[in-house]
N, C-alpha and C. Protein backbone atom coordinates (compact mmCIF):
# COMPACT_ATOMS: atom_id res chain seq x y z
N MET A 1 -34.58 -6.02 14.54
CA MET A 1 -34.63 -4.77 13.77
C MET A 1 -34.02 -5.01 12.40
N ALA A 2 -34.70 -4.47 11.39
CA ALA A 2 -34.21 -4.66 10.02
C ALA A 2 -32.89 -3.93 9.81
N ARG A 3 -32.08 -4.49 8.91
CA ARG A 3 -30.80 -3.86 8.55
C ARG A 3 -30.91 -3.24 7.17
N PHE A 4 -30.31 -2.07 7.03
CA PHE A 4 -30.34 -1.41 5.73
C PHE A 4 -29.52 -2.24 4.74
N PRO A 5 -30.06 -2.49 3.53
CA PRO A 5 -29.35 -3.35 2.56
C PRO A 5 -28.06 -2.73 2.07
N ILE A 6 -27.20 -3.61 1.53
CA ILE A 6 -25.90 -3.17 1.01
C ILE A 6 -25.87 -3.19 -0.51
N SER A 7 -26.43 -4.22 -1.12
CA SER A 7 -26.37 -4.35 -2.58
C SER A 7 -27.32 -3.36 -3.25
N GLU A 8 -26.94 -2.93 -4.46
CA GLU A 8 -27.75 -1.95 -5.19
C GLU A 8 -29.16 -2.47 -5.50
N PRO A 9 -29.31 -3.71 -5.99
CA PRO A 9 -30.67 -4.18 -6.27
C PRO A 9 -31.56 -4.17 -5.03
N GLU A 10 -31.00 -4.52 -3.89
CA GLU A 10 -31.79 -4.52 -2.66
C GLU A 10 -32.17 -3.10 -2.24
N ILE A 11 -31.25 -2.15 -2.45
CA ILE A 11 -31.54 -0.75 -2.12
C ILE A 11 -32.65 -0.22 -3.02
N VAL A 12 -32.58 -0.56 -4.33
CA VAL A 12 -33.62 -0.12 -5.26
C VAL A 12 -34.97 -0.70 -4.86
N ALA A 13 -35.00 -1.99 -4.52
CA ALA A 13 -36.25 -2.62 -4.12
C ALA A 13 -36.81 -1.97 -2.86
N LEU A 14 -35.95 -1.65 -1.91
CA LEU A 14 -36.41 -0.98 -0.68
C LEU A 14 -36.95 0.41 -0.99
N ALA A 15 -36.26 1.14 -1.89
CA ALA A 15 -36.71 2.49 -2.25
C ALA A 15 -38.08 2.44 -2.90
N GLN A 16 -38.28 1.49 -3.83
CA GLN A 16 -39.58 1.38 -4.49
C GLN A 16 -40.68 1.04 -3.49
N ALA A 17 -40.38 0.10 -2.59
CA ALA A 17 -41.38 -0.28 -1.60
C ALA A 17 -41.70 0.89 -0.66
N SER A 18 -40.69 1.64 -0.26
CA SER A 18 -40.90 2.77 0.66
C SER A 18 -41.69 3.87 -0.02
N ILE A 19 -41.37 4.15 -1.30
CA ILE A 19 -42.11 5.18 -2.03
C ILE A 19 -43.58 4.81 -2.14
N ASN A 20 -43.84 3.59 -2.55
CA ASN A 20 -45.23 3.14 -2.67
C ASN A 20 -45.94 3.16 -1.33
N GLY A 21 -45.23 2.72 -0.28
CA GLY A 21 -45.84 2.70 1.05
C GLY A 21 -46.16 4.09 1.57
N LEU A 22 -45.25 5.05 1.34
CA LEU A 22 -45.48 6.42 1.80
C LEU A 22 -46.64 7.07 1.05
N LYS A 23 -46.76 6.75 -0.25
CA LYS A 23 -47.83 7.35 -1.05
C LYS A 23 -49.20 6.81 -0.67
N THR A 24 -49.25 5.54 -0.35
CA THR A 24 -50.57 4.91 -0.10
C THR A 24 -50.95 4.85 1.38
N ASN A 25 -50.07 5.28 2.23
CA ASN A 25 -50.37 5.22 3.68
C ASN A 25 -50.12 6.56 4.35
N THR A 26 -50.71 7.60 3.78
CA THR A 26 -50.49 8.94 4.32
C THR A 26 -51.09 9.12 5.71
N ASP A 27 -52.07 8.28 6.06
CA ASP A 27 -52.64 8.39 7.40
C ASP A 27 -51.65 7.97 8.47
N PHE A 28 -50.78 7.00 8.10
CA PHE A 28 -49.74 6.58 9.05
C PHE A 28 -48.50 7.48 8.97
N TYR A 29 -48.19 7.94 7.74
CA TYR A 29 -46.97 8.73 7.52
C TYR A 29 -47.32 10.04 6.81
N PRO A 30 -47.92 10.97 7.57
CA PRO A 30 -48.42 12.19 6.91
C PRO A 30 -47.32 13.18 6.50
N SER A 31 -46.20 13.21 7.20
CA SER A 31 -45.18 14.24 6.92
C SER A 31 -43.78 13.65 6.94
N PRO A 32 -43.43 12.77 6.00
CA PRO A 32 -42.06 12.25 5.97
C PRO A 32 -41.05 13.35 5.65
N PRO A 33 -39.85 13.30 6.20
CA PRO A 33 -38.86 14.37 5.95
C PRO A 33 -38.51 14.51 4.46
N ILE A 34 -38.55 13.41 3.73
CA ILE A 34 -38.34 13.46 2.29
C ILE A 34 -39.64 13.01 1.63
N ASP A 35 -40.27 13.91 0.89
CA ASP A 35 -41.54 13.60 0.25
C ASP A 35 -41.36 12.44 -0.72
N PRO A 36 -42.32 11.49 -0.81
CA PRO A 36 -42.18 10.35 -1.73
C PRO A 36 -42.03 10.76 -3.18
N VAL A 37 -42.58 11.91 -3.55
CA VAL A 37 -42.40 12.39 -4.93
C VAL A 37 -40.93 12.74 -5.16
N GLU A 38 -40.33 13.44 -4.18
CA GLU A 38 -38.91 13.79 -4.30
C GLU A 38 -38.05 12.53 -4.27
N LEU A 39 -38.45 11.57 -3.42
CA LEU A 39 -37.72 10.30 -3.36
C LEU A 39 -37.80 9.57 -4.70
N SER A 40 -38.96 9.66 -5.37
CA SER A 40 -39.11 9.04 -6.69
C SER A 40 -38.18 9.67 -7.70
N VAL A 41 -38.02 10.98 -7.62
CA VAL A 41 -37.11 11.68 -8.53
C VAL A 41 -35.67 11.21 -8.29
N LYS A 42 -35.29 11.08 -7.03
CA LYS A 42 -33.94 10.63 -6.71
C LYS A 42 -33.71 9.19 -7.22
N LEU A 43 -34.73 8.36 -7.08
CA LEU A 43 -34.61 6.98 -7.56
C LEU A 43 -34.44 6.95 -9.07
N GLU A 44 -35.25 7.75 -9.77
CA GLU A 44 -35.15 7.78 -11.23
C GLU A 44 -33.79 8.32 -11.67
N THR A 45 -33.29 9.34 -10.96
CA THR A 45 -31.96 9.87 -11.29
C THR A 45 -30.90 8.80 -11.14
N TYR A 46 -30.99 8.02 -10.08
CA TYR A 46 -30.03 6.92 -9.89
C TYR A 46 -30.15 5.89 -11.01
N LEU A 47 -31.39 5.50 -11.36
CA LEU A 47 -31.57 4.48 -12.39
C LEU A 47 -31.01 4.94 -13.73
N GLN A 48 -31.16 6.21 -14.06
CA GLN A 48 -30.60 6.74 -15.30
C GLN A 48 -29.07 6.74 -15.25
N ALA A 49 -28.52 7.12 -14.08
CA ALA A 49 -27.06 7.11 -13.92
C ALA A 49 -26.52 5.69 -14.01
N ARG A 50 -27.25 4.74 -13.45
CA ARG A 50 -26.81 3.35 -13.53
C ARG A 50 -26.79 2.86 -14.96
N GLU A 51 -27.83 3.20 -15.71
CA GLU A 51 -27.90 2.79 -17.11
C GLU A 51 -26.75 3.41 -17.91
N ALA A 52 -26.46 4.69 -17.62
CA ALA A 52 -25.35 5.35 -18.32
C ALA A 52 -24.02 4.69 -17.99
N ALA A 53 -23.86 4.28 -16.72
CA ALA A 53 -22.62 3.62 -16.32
C ALA A 53 -22.46 2.27 -17.01
N ILE A 54 -23.58 1.52 -17.13
CA ILE A 54 -23.53 0.23 -17.80
C ILE A 54 -23.16 0.41 -19.27
N THR A 55 -23.77 1.42 -19.90
CA THR A 55 -23.46 1.70 -21.31
C THR A 55 -22.00 2.09 -21.49
N ALA A 56 -21.50 2.95 -20.58
CA ALA A 56 -20.10 3.39 -20.67
C ALA A 56 -19.15 2.23 -20.44
N GLN A 57 -19.49 1.34 -19.51
CA GLN A 57 -18.63 0.19 -19.24
C GLN A 57 -18.57 -0.73 -20.44
N ALA A 58 -19.71 -0.95 -21.10
CA ALA A 58 -19.72 -1.79 -22.29
C ALA A 58 -18.88 -1.16 -23.40
N ALA A 59 -19.01 0.17 -23.55
CA ALA A 59 -18.21 0.86 -24.57
C ALA A 59 -16.72 0.77 -24.26
N ALA A 60 -16.38 0.89 -22.97
CA ALA A 60 -14.97 0.81 -22.58
C ALA A 60 -14.40 -0.58 -22.85
N GLN A 61 -15.21 -1.61 -22.57
CA GLN A 61 -14.76 -2.97 -22.84
C GLN A 61 -14.55 -3.20 -24.32
N GLN A 62 -15.45 -2.65 -25.13
CA GLN A 62 -15.32 -2.80 -26.58
C GLN A 62 -14.09 -2.06 -27.08
N ALA A 63 -13.85 -0.85 -26.54
CA ALA A 63 -12.68 -0.08 -26.95
C ALA A 63 -11.39 -0.78 -26.55
N THR A 64 -11.38 -1.38 -25.35
CA THR A 64 -10.19 -2.10 -24.89
C THR A 64 -9.92 -3.32 -25.76
N ALA A 65 -10.98 -4.04 -26.14
CA ALA A 65 -10.81 -5.20 -27.01
C ALA A 65 -10.26 -4.78 -28.37
N ALA A 66 -10.75 -3.65 -28.90
CA ALA A 66 -10.25 -3.16 -30.19
C ALA A 66 -8.79 -2.73 -30.07
N LYS A 67 -8.44 -2.10 -28.96
CA LYS A 67 -7.05 -1.70 -28.74
C LYS A 67 -6.13 -2.90 -28.67
N ASN A 68 -6.55 -3.93 -27.92
CA ASN A 68 -5.72 -5.14 -27.79
C ASN A 68 -5.56 -5.86 -29.12
N GLU A 69 -6.62 -5.88 -29.92
CA GLU A 69 -6.54 -6.52 -31.24
C GLU A 69 -5.57 -5.77 -32.14
N SER A 70 -5.65 -4.44 -32.11
CA SER A 70 -4.73 -3.63 -32.92
C SER A 70 -3.29 -3.81 -32.48
N LEU A 71 -3.08 -3.89 -31.15
CA LEU A 71 -1.73 -4.08 -30.63
C LEU A 71 -1.17 -5.43 -31.08
N GLN A 72 -2.00 -6.48 -31.02
CA GLN A 72 -1.53 -7.80 -31.42
C GLN A 72 -1.18 -7.83 -32.90
N GLU A 73 -1.95 -7.15 -33.74
CA GLU A 73 -1.63 -7.07 -35.17
C GLU A 73 -0.30 -6.36 -35.38
N LEU A 74 -0.08 -5.27 -34.61
CA LEU A 74 1.19 -4.56 -34.71
C LEU A 74 2.35 -5.45 -34.30
N ILE A 75 2.18 -6.19 -33.20
CA ILE A 75 3.23 -7.08 -32.72
C ILE A 75 3.57 -8.14 -33.75
N ASP A 76 2.53 -8.77 -34.33
CA ASP A 76 2.76 -9.82 -35.31
C ASP A 76 3.52 -9.29 -36.53
N ASP A 77 3.10 -8.13 -37.03
CA ASP A 77 3.77 -7.57 -38.21
C ASP A 77 5.18 -7.12 -37.88
N LEU A 78 5.36 -6.54 -36.71
CA LEU A 78 6.69 -6.09 -36.31
C LEU A 78 7.65 -7.26 -36.17
N LYS A 79 7.17 -8.35 -35.57
CA LYS A 79 8.01 -9.54 -35.44
C LYS A 79 8.40 -10.10 -36.81
N SER A 80 7.48 -10.06 -37.75
CA SER A 80 7.79 -10.54 -39.10
C SER A 80 8.92 -9.74 -39.72
N ASP A 81 8.85 -8.41 -39.58
CA ASP A 81 9.91 -7.57 -40.15
C ASP A 81 11.24 -7.78 -39.43
N LEU A 82 11.19 -7.97 -38.12
CA LEU A 82 12.43 -8.15 -37.38
C LEU A 82 13.07 -9.50 -37.69
N ARG A 83 12.24 -10.54 -37.86
CA ARG A 83 12.80 -11.83 -38.27
C ARG A 83 13.44 -11.73 -39.65
N TYR A 84 12.77 -11.01 -40.55
CA TYR A 84 13.35 -10.79 -41.89
C TYR A 84 14.69 -10.06 -41.77
N ALA A 85 14.72 -9.02 -40.91
CA ALA A 85 15.94 -8.23 -40.77
C ALA A 85 17.08 -9.07 -40.20
N GLU A 86 16.78 -9.92 -39.22
CA GLU A 86 17.81 -10.78 -38.63
C GLU A 86 18.46 -11.67 -39.68
N ILE A 87 17.61 -12.26 -40.53
CA ILE A 87 18.14 -13.15 -41.57
C ILE A 87 18.89 -12.35 -42.63
N ALA A 88 18.35 -11.16 -42.98
CA ALA A 88 18.95 -10.36 -44.05
C ALA A 88 20.37 -9.93 -43.72
N VAL A 89 20.65 -9.63 -42.44
CA VAL A 89 22.00 -9.15 -42.08
C VAL A 89 22.74 -10.19 -41.25
N ASP A 90 22.24 -11.44 -41.25
CA ASP A 90 22.90 -12.54 -40.55
C ASP A 90 23.14 -12.18 -39.08
N TYR A 91 22.14 -11.61 -38.45
CA TYR A 91 22.17 -11.29 -37.02
C TYR A 91 23.29 -10.32 -36.64
N ASN A 92 23.66 -9.45 -37.56
CA ASN A 92 24.69 -8.45 -37.28
C ASN A 92 24.12 -7.45 -36.28
N ASP A 93 24.73 -7.38 -35.10
CA ASP A 93 24.19 -6.56 -34.02
C ASP A 93 24.18 -5.08 -34.38
N ALA A 94 25.27 -4.59 -34.99
CA ALA A 94 25.36 -3.17 -35.32
C ALA A 94 24.29 -2.78 -36.33
N GLN A 95 24.06 -3.62 -37.33
CA GLN A 95 23.07 -3.29 -38.34
C GLN A 95 21.65 -3.43 -37.80
N LEU A 96 21.42 -4.39 -36.92
CA LEU A 96 20.10 -4.52 -36.33
C LEU A 96 19.77 -3.38 -35.38
N LYS A 97 20.80 -2.79 -34.80
CA LYS A 97 20.57 -1.65 -33.92
C LYS A 97 20.01 -0.45 -34.68
N LEU A 98 20.23 -0.43 -36.02
CA LEU A 98 19.64 0.63 -36.83
C LEU A 98 18.12 0.57 -36.80
N LEU A 99 17.58 -0.59 -36.45
CA LEU A 99 16.13 -0.78 -36.35
C LEU A 99 15.65 -0.76 -34.90
N GLY A 100 16.57 -0.44 -33.98
CA GLY A 100 16.21 -0.48 -32.57
C GLY A 100 16.17 -1.89 -32.03
N TRP A 101 16.83 -2.83 -32.72
CA TRP A 101 16.81 -4.23 -32.36
C TRP A 101 18.21 -4.67 -32.02
N GLY A 102 18.49 -5.93 -31.92
CA GLY A 102 19.82 -6.42 -31.60
C GLY A 102 20.01 -7.83 -32.10
N GLY A 103 21.27 -8.24 -32.18
CA GLY A 103 21.59 -9.58 -32.64
C GLY A 103 21.39 -10.61 -31.56
N ARG A 104 21.78 -11.83 -31.85
CA ARG A 104 21.65 -12.91 -30.88
C ARG A 104 22.55 -12.66 -29.68
N ARG A 105 22.03 -12.91 -28.53
CA ARG A 105 22.85 -12.79 -27.33
C ARG A 105 23.69 -14.05 -27.17
N GLU A 106 24.88 -13.83 -26.71
CA GLU A 106 25.73 -14.98 -26.43
C GLU A 106 25.18 -15.73 -25.23
N ARG A 107 25.16 -17.04 -25.36
CA ARG A 107 24.67 -17.85 -24.26
C ARG A 107 25.64 -17.79 -23.08
N THR A 108 25.07 -17.59 -21.92
CA THR A 108 25.89 -17.60 -20.71
C THR A 108 25.70 -18.94 -20.02
N SER A 109 26.79 -19.52 -19.59
CA SER A 109 26.70 -20.83 -18.94
C SER A 109 26.05 -20.68 -17.57
N LEU A 110 25.25 -21.66 -17.23
CA LEU A 110 24.59 -21.67 -15.93
C LEU A 110 25.61 -21.85 -14.82
N GLN A 111 25.44 -21.08 -13.77
CA GLN A 111 26.33 -21.16 -12.62
C GLN A 111 25.63 -21.86 -11.46
N PRO A 112 26.39 -22.48 -10.57
CA PRO A 112 25.76 -23.03 -9.36
C PRO A 112 25.10 -21.92 -8.55
N PRO A 113 24.09 -22.24 -7.77
CA PRO A 113 23.44 -21.21 -6.95
C PRO A 113 24.41 -20.67 -5.89
N GLY A 114 24.01 -19.53 -5.32
CA GLY A 114 24.76 -19.00 -4.20
C GLY A 114 24.29 -19.62 -2.89
N GLN A 115 24.60 -18.95 -1.81
CA GLN A 115 24.29 -19.46 -0.48
C GLN A 115 22.87 -19.06 -0.06
N SER A 116 22.09 -20.04 0.40
CA SER A 116 20.78 -19.74 0.97
C SER A 116 20.99 -18.94 2.26
N ARG A 117 20.02 -18.06 2.56
CA ARG A 117 20.23 -17.09 3.64
C ARG A 117 19.14 -17.17 4.70
N SER A 118 19.53 -16.75 5.89
CA SER A 118 18.59 -16.49 6.99
C SER A 118 17.67 -17.67 7.30
N LEU A 119 18.26 -18.85 7.43
CA LEU A 119 17.47 -20.03 7.81
C LEU A 119 16.95 -19.86 9.23
N GLU A 120 15.65 -20.16 9.42
CA GLU A 120 15.01 -20.07 10.73
C GLU A 120 14.12 -21.28 10.94
N ALA A 121 13.82 -21.56 12.20
CA ALA A 121 12.86 -22.61 12.57
C ALA A 121 11.80 -21.96 13.47
N PRO A 122 10.88 -21.19 12.87
CA PRO A 122 9.94 -20.41 13.69
C PRO A 122 8.87 -21.23 14.38
N ARG A 123 8.58 -22.45 13.86
CA ARG A 123 7.53 -23.26 14.48
C ARG A 123 7.99 -24.72 14.56
N GLN A 124 7.60 -25.37 15.62
CA GLN A 124 7.97 -26.77 15.81
C GLN A 124 7.01 -27.41 16.80
N GLY A 125 6.97 -28.74 16.76
CA GLY A 125 6.11 -29.48 17.67
C GLY A 125 6.70 -30.85 17.92
N GLU A 126 5.87 -31.77 18.37
CA GLU A 126 6.36 -33.11 18.70
C GLU A 126 6.68 -33.87 17.41
N GLY A 127 7.95 -33.99 17.11
CA GLY A 127 8.39 -34.75 15.94
C GLY A 127 8.33 -34.00 14.63
N TRP A 128 8.05 -32.69 14.64
CA TRP A 128 8.02 -31.94 13.39
C TRP A 128 8.63 -30.56 13.60
N VAL A 129 9.10 -29.99 12.49
CA VAL A 129 9.68 -28.65 12.53
C VAL A 129 9.41 -27.95 11.19
N PHE A 130 9.05 -26.70 11.26
CA PHE A 130 8.86 -25.86 10.07
C PHE A 130 10.08 -24.97 9.90
N LEU A 131 10.71 -25.04 8.73
CA LEU A 131 11.89 -24.24 8.42
C LEU A 131 11.56 -23.27 7.28
N ASP A 132 12.09 -22.07 7.35
CA ASP A 132 12.03 -21.18 6.19
C ASP A 132 13.33 -20.41 6.08
N TRP A 133 13.58 -19.90 4.87
CA TRP A 133 14.85 -19.23 4.58
C TRP A 133 14.65 -18.30 3.39
N LYS A 134 15.69 -17.58 3.06
CA LYS A 134 15.66 -16.67 1.90
C LYS A 134 16.55 -17.22 0.80
N GLU A 135 16.13 -16.98 -0.44
CA GLU A 135 16.87 -17.50 -1.58
C GLU A 135 18.21 -16.78 -1.72
N PRO A 136 19.16 -17.38 -2.41
CA PRO A 136 20.47 -16.74 -2.61
C PRO A 136 20.33 -15.45 -3.41
N THR A 137 21.21 -14.53 -3.13
CA THR A 137 21.24 -13.28 -3.90
C THR A 137 22.28 -13.33 -5.01
N GLU A 138 23.09 -14.37 -5.04
CA GLU A 138 24.13 -14.49 -6.05
C GLU A 138 24.04 -15.88 -6.68
N GLY A 139 24.81 -16.06 -7.77
CA GLY A 139 24.89 -17.37 -8.40
C GLY A 139 23.77 -17.62 -9.38
N GLY A 140 23.71 -18.87 -9.87
CA GLY A 140 22.73 -19.25 -10.88
C GLY A 140 21.34 -19.46 -10.30
N THR A 141 20.41 -19.73 -11.21
CA THR A 141 19.02 -19.95 -10.82
C THR A 141 18.89 -21.21 -9.97
N VAL A 142 18.12 -21.11 -8.91
CA VAL A 142 17.91 -22.25 -8.01
C VAL A 142 16.84 -23.17 -8.59
N ALA A 143 17.13 -24.47 -8.66
CA ALA A 143 16.13 -25.45 -9.10
C ALA A 143 15.38 -26.03 -7.90
N ALA A 144 16.07 -26.21 -6.79
CA ALA A 144 15.46 -26.79 -5.59
C ALA A 144 16.38 -26.53 -4.41
N TYR A 145 15.90 -26.91 -3.24
CA TYR A 145 16.69 -26.77 -2.02
C TYR A 145 16.78 -28.13 -1.35
N LYS A 146 17.99 -28.47 -0.91
CA LYS A 146 18.23 -29.71 -0.18
C LYS A 146 18.36 -29.36 1.30
N VAL A 147 17.52 -29.99 2.10
CA VAL A 147 17.53 -29.74 3.55
C VAL A 147 18.31 -30.86 4.22
N GLN A 148 19.28 -30.49 5.04
CA GLN A 148 20.14 -31.47 5.71
C GLN A 148 20.02 -31.30 7.22
N SER A 149 20.25 -32.40 7.92
CA SER A 149 20.20 -32.35 9.38
C SER A 149 21.25 -33.30 9.96
N ARG A 150 21.51 -33.10 11.24
CA ARG A 150 22.42 -34.00 11.95
C ARG A 150 22.22 -33.82 13.45
N PRO A 151 22.45 -34.86 14.21
CA PRO A 151 22.51 -34.68 15.66
C PRO A 151 23.67 -33.74 16.00
N ARG A 152 23.47 -32.92 17.00
CA ARG A 152 24.47 -31.90 17.31
C ARG A 152 25.82 -32.51 17.74
N THR A 153 25.79 -33.77 18.10
CA THR A 153 27.02 -34.41 18.57
C THR A 153 27.82 -35.07 17.45
N THR A 154 27.31 -35.02 16.20
CA THR A 154 28.03 -35.66 15.08
C THR A 154 28.44 -34.62 14.06
N GLU A 155 29.31 -35.05 13.13
CA GLU A 155 29.81 -34.15 12.09
C GLU A 155 29.16 -34.42 10.73
N THR A 156 28.48 -35.54 10.60
CA THR A 156 27.97 -35.96 9.29
C THR A 156 26.55 -35.45 9.07
N TRP A 157 26.37 -34.74 7.94
CA TRP A 157 25.05 -34.24 7.57
C TRP A 157 24.30 -35.29 6.76
N GLN A 158 22.99 -35.40 6.99
CA GLN A 158 22.15 -36.31 6.23
C GLN A 158 21.01 -35.52 5.59
N GLU A 159 20.56 -35.99 4.44
CA GLU A 159 19.45 -35.32 3.77
C GLU A 159 18.14 -35.64 4.48
N SER A 160 17.37 -34.59 4.76
CA SER A 160 16.09 -34.76 5.45
C SER A 160 14.89 -34.40 4.58
N GLY A 161 15.13 -33.76 3.44
CA GLY A 161 14.03 -33.40 2.57
C GLY A 161 14.49 -32.50 1.45
N THR A 162 13.59 -32.29 0.48
CA THR A 162 13.86 -31.41 -0.66
C THR A 162 12.66 -30.49 -0.83
N ALA A 163 12.93 -29.22 -1.13
CA ALA A 163 11.86 -28.24 -1.29
C ALA A 163 12.06 -27.46 -2.58
N ILE A 164 10.95 -27.07 -3.18
CA ILE A 164 11.00 -26.18 -4.35
C ILE A 164 10.91 -24.73 -3.88
N ALA A 165 10.03 -24.46 -2.94
CA ALA A 165 9.91 -23.13 -2.36
C ALA A 165 10.91 -22.99 -1.22
N SER A 166 11.01 -21.78 -0.68
CA SER A 166 11.99 -21.53 0.38
C SER A 166 11.39 -21.79 1.76
N GLU A 167 10.72 -22.94 1.89
CA GLU A 167 10.20 -23.36 3.19
C GLU A 167 9.88 -24.84 3.12
N ILE A 168 9.81 -25.48 4.28
CA ILE A 168 9.48 -26.90 4.32
C ILE A 168 9.06 -27.26 5.74
N THR A 169 8.17 -28.24 5.85
CA THR A 169 7.81 -28.82 7.15
C THR A 169 8.32 -30.25 7.16
N LEU A 170 9.21 -30.56 8.07
CA LEU A 170 9.75 -31.90 8.21
C LEU A 170 9.03 -32.63 9.33
N VAL A 171 8.59 -33.85 9.06
CA VAL A 171 7.87 -34.64 10.05
C VAL A 171 8.69 -35.89 10.39
N ASN A 172 8.25 -36.61 11.39
CA ASN A 172 8.93 -37.83 11.83
C ASN A 172 10.40 -37.57 12.17
N GLN A 173 10.65 -36.45 12.80
CA GLN A 173 12.00 -36.11 13.22
C GLN A 173 12.31 -36.71 14.59
N PRO A 174 13.58 -37.01 14.84
CA PRO A 174 13.94 -37.59 16.15
C PRO A 174 13.53 -36.67 17.30
N ARG A 175 12.96 -37.27 18.34
CA ARG A 175 12.52 -36.47 19.48
C ARG A 175 13.54 -36.55 20.61
N ASN A 176 13.52 -35.49 21.40
CA ASN A 176 14.41 -35.40 22.57
C ASN A 176 15.88 -35.52 22.17
N THR A 177 16.19 -35.10 20.95
CA THR A 177 17.57 -35.14 20.45
C THR A 177 17.94 -33.76 19.91
N PRO A 178 18.97 -33.12 20.44
CA PRO A 178 19.38 -31.83 19.88
C PRO A 178 19.83 -32.01 18.43
N LEU A 179 19.18 -31.30 17.52
CA LEU A 179 19.46 -31.42 16.09
C LEU A 179 19.90 -30.08 15.52
N GLU A 180 20.63 -30.16 14.41
CA GLU A 180 20.99 -28.98 13.63
C GLU A 180 20.48 -29.16 12.21
N TYR A 181 20.01 -28.06 11.62
CA TYR A 181 19.51 -28.08 10.24
C TYR A 181 20.25 -27.02 9.42
N ARG A 182 20.38 -27.31 8.11
CA ARG A 182 20.89 -26.34 7.18
C ARG A 182 20.27 -26.60 5.81
N VAL A 183 20.38 -25.62 4.91
CA VAL A 183 19.77 -25.72 3.58
C VAL A 183 20.83 -25.44 2.53
N VAL A 184 20.78 -26.22 1.44
CA VAL A 184 21.71 -26.05 0.32
C VAL A 184 20.90 -25.87 -0.95
N ALA A 185 21.11 -24.75 -1.66
CA ALA A 185 20.45 -24.52 -2.94
C ALA A 185 21.16 -25.34 -4.02
N ILE A 186 20.37 -25.91 -4.94
CA ILE A 186 20.96 -26.76 -5.97
C ILE A 186 20.34 -26.43 -7.33
N ASN A 187 21.10 -26.70 -8.40
CA ASN A 187 20.57 -26.74 -9.76
C ASN A 187 21.35 -27.82 -10.52
N LYS A 188 21.15 -27.93 -11.83
CA LYS A 188 21.76 -29.03 -12.56
C LYS A 188 23.27 -28.89 -12.69
N VAL A 189 23.80 -27.71 -12.39
CA VAL A 189 25.25 -27.51 -12.46
C VAL A 189 25.93 -27.93 -11.16
N GLY A 190 25.29 -27.64 -10.04
CA GLY A 190 25.93 -27.97 -8.77
C GLY A 190 25.17 -27.42 -7.58
N GLU A 191 25.88 -27.28 -6.48
CA GLU A 191 25.30 -26.84 -5.22
C GLU A 191 25.91 -25.53 -4.77
N GLY A 192 25.12 -24.77 -4.02
CA GLY A 192 25.63 -23.56 -3.40
C GLY A 192 26.23 -23.85 -2.05
N GLN A 193 26.75 -22.84 -1.43
CA GLN A 193 27.28 -22.98 -0.08
C GLN A 193 26.13 -23.23 0.90
N PRO A 194 26.31 -24.08 1.89
CA PRO A 194 25.25 -24.31 2.88
C PRO A 194 24.87 -23.03 3.61
N SER A 195 23.62 -22.96 4.01
CA SER A 195 23.15 -21.83 4.77
C SER A 195 23.71 -21.89 6.19
N ASN A 196 23.31 -20.90 6.98
CA ASN A 196 23.58 -20.96 8.42
C ASN A 196 22.83 -22.16 9.01
N THR A 197 23.21 -22.60 10.16
CA THR A 197 22.55 -23.73 10.81
C THR A 197 21.61 -23.19 11.90
N VAL A 198 20.56 -23.97 12.17
CA VAL A 198 19.68 -23.67 13.29
C VAL A 198 19.61 -24.90 14.19
N ALA A 199 19.57 -24.68 15.48
CA ALA A 199 19.54 -25.78 16.44
C ALA A 199 18.12 -25.94 16.97
N VAL A 200 17.65 -27.19 17.00
CA VAL A 200 16.28 -27.49 17.40
C VAL A 200 16.28 -28.75 18.26
N THR A 201 15.48 -28.75 19.29
CA THR A 201 15.22 -29.98 20.07
C THR A 201 13.72 -30.19 20.09
N LEU A 202 13.25 -31.28 19.51
CA LEU A 202 11.83 -31.55 19.38
C LEU A 202 11.32 -32.40 20.53
């Protein structure tokens, strides 16, 4: 059984074919519920509405492009005046505020990251484990995460991998050995406090 089309061009093609078929085959289809003449009017109404929509869309795109161009010109000119103002008053914050602007911000030194949070090991298999965690809510910007592990019977942590995102899949892990994992956020200044630990046996 045929399926009614979804795309507009296919619907239009079906409508045209049906209208022509109903008009030329009245012996087979003497009394359709919608007369082919009325169906033709509906089709023409749609085609006119489609053309109007295409015209309006083109006009809207042109208007948006003109708006964006005007905005960029405003931004460029405004930046020129603000750069002039900064130099004219030697970045005096109080005087620049008269223009709704401000002076140079004092540089803040980068801080070590805070503690990574909510470490979990939701998936694991033979010799591999998937870990995910949440980024610190305090401290400096995180550059990367250092993943550490150790056998549960030892005190010494060893590096098992490094991640940029807050997740990692570690492979070639010791099997049949109870292990503990933790994550440490790092940046160029230093390290954050280690996360909570998770225990895994692969």
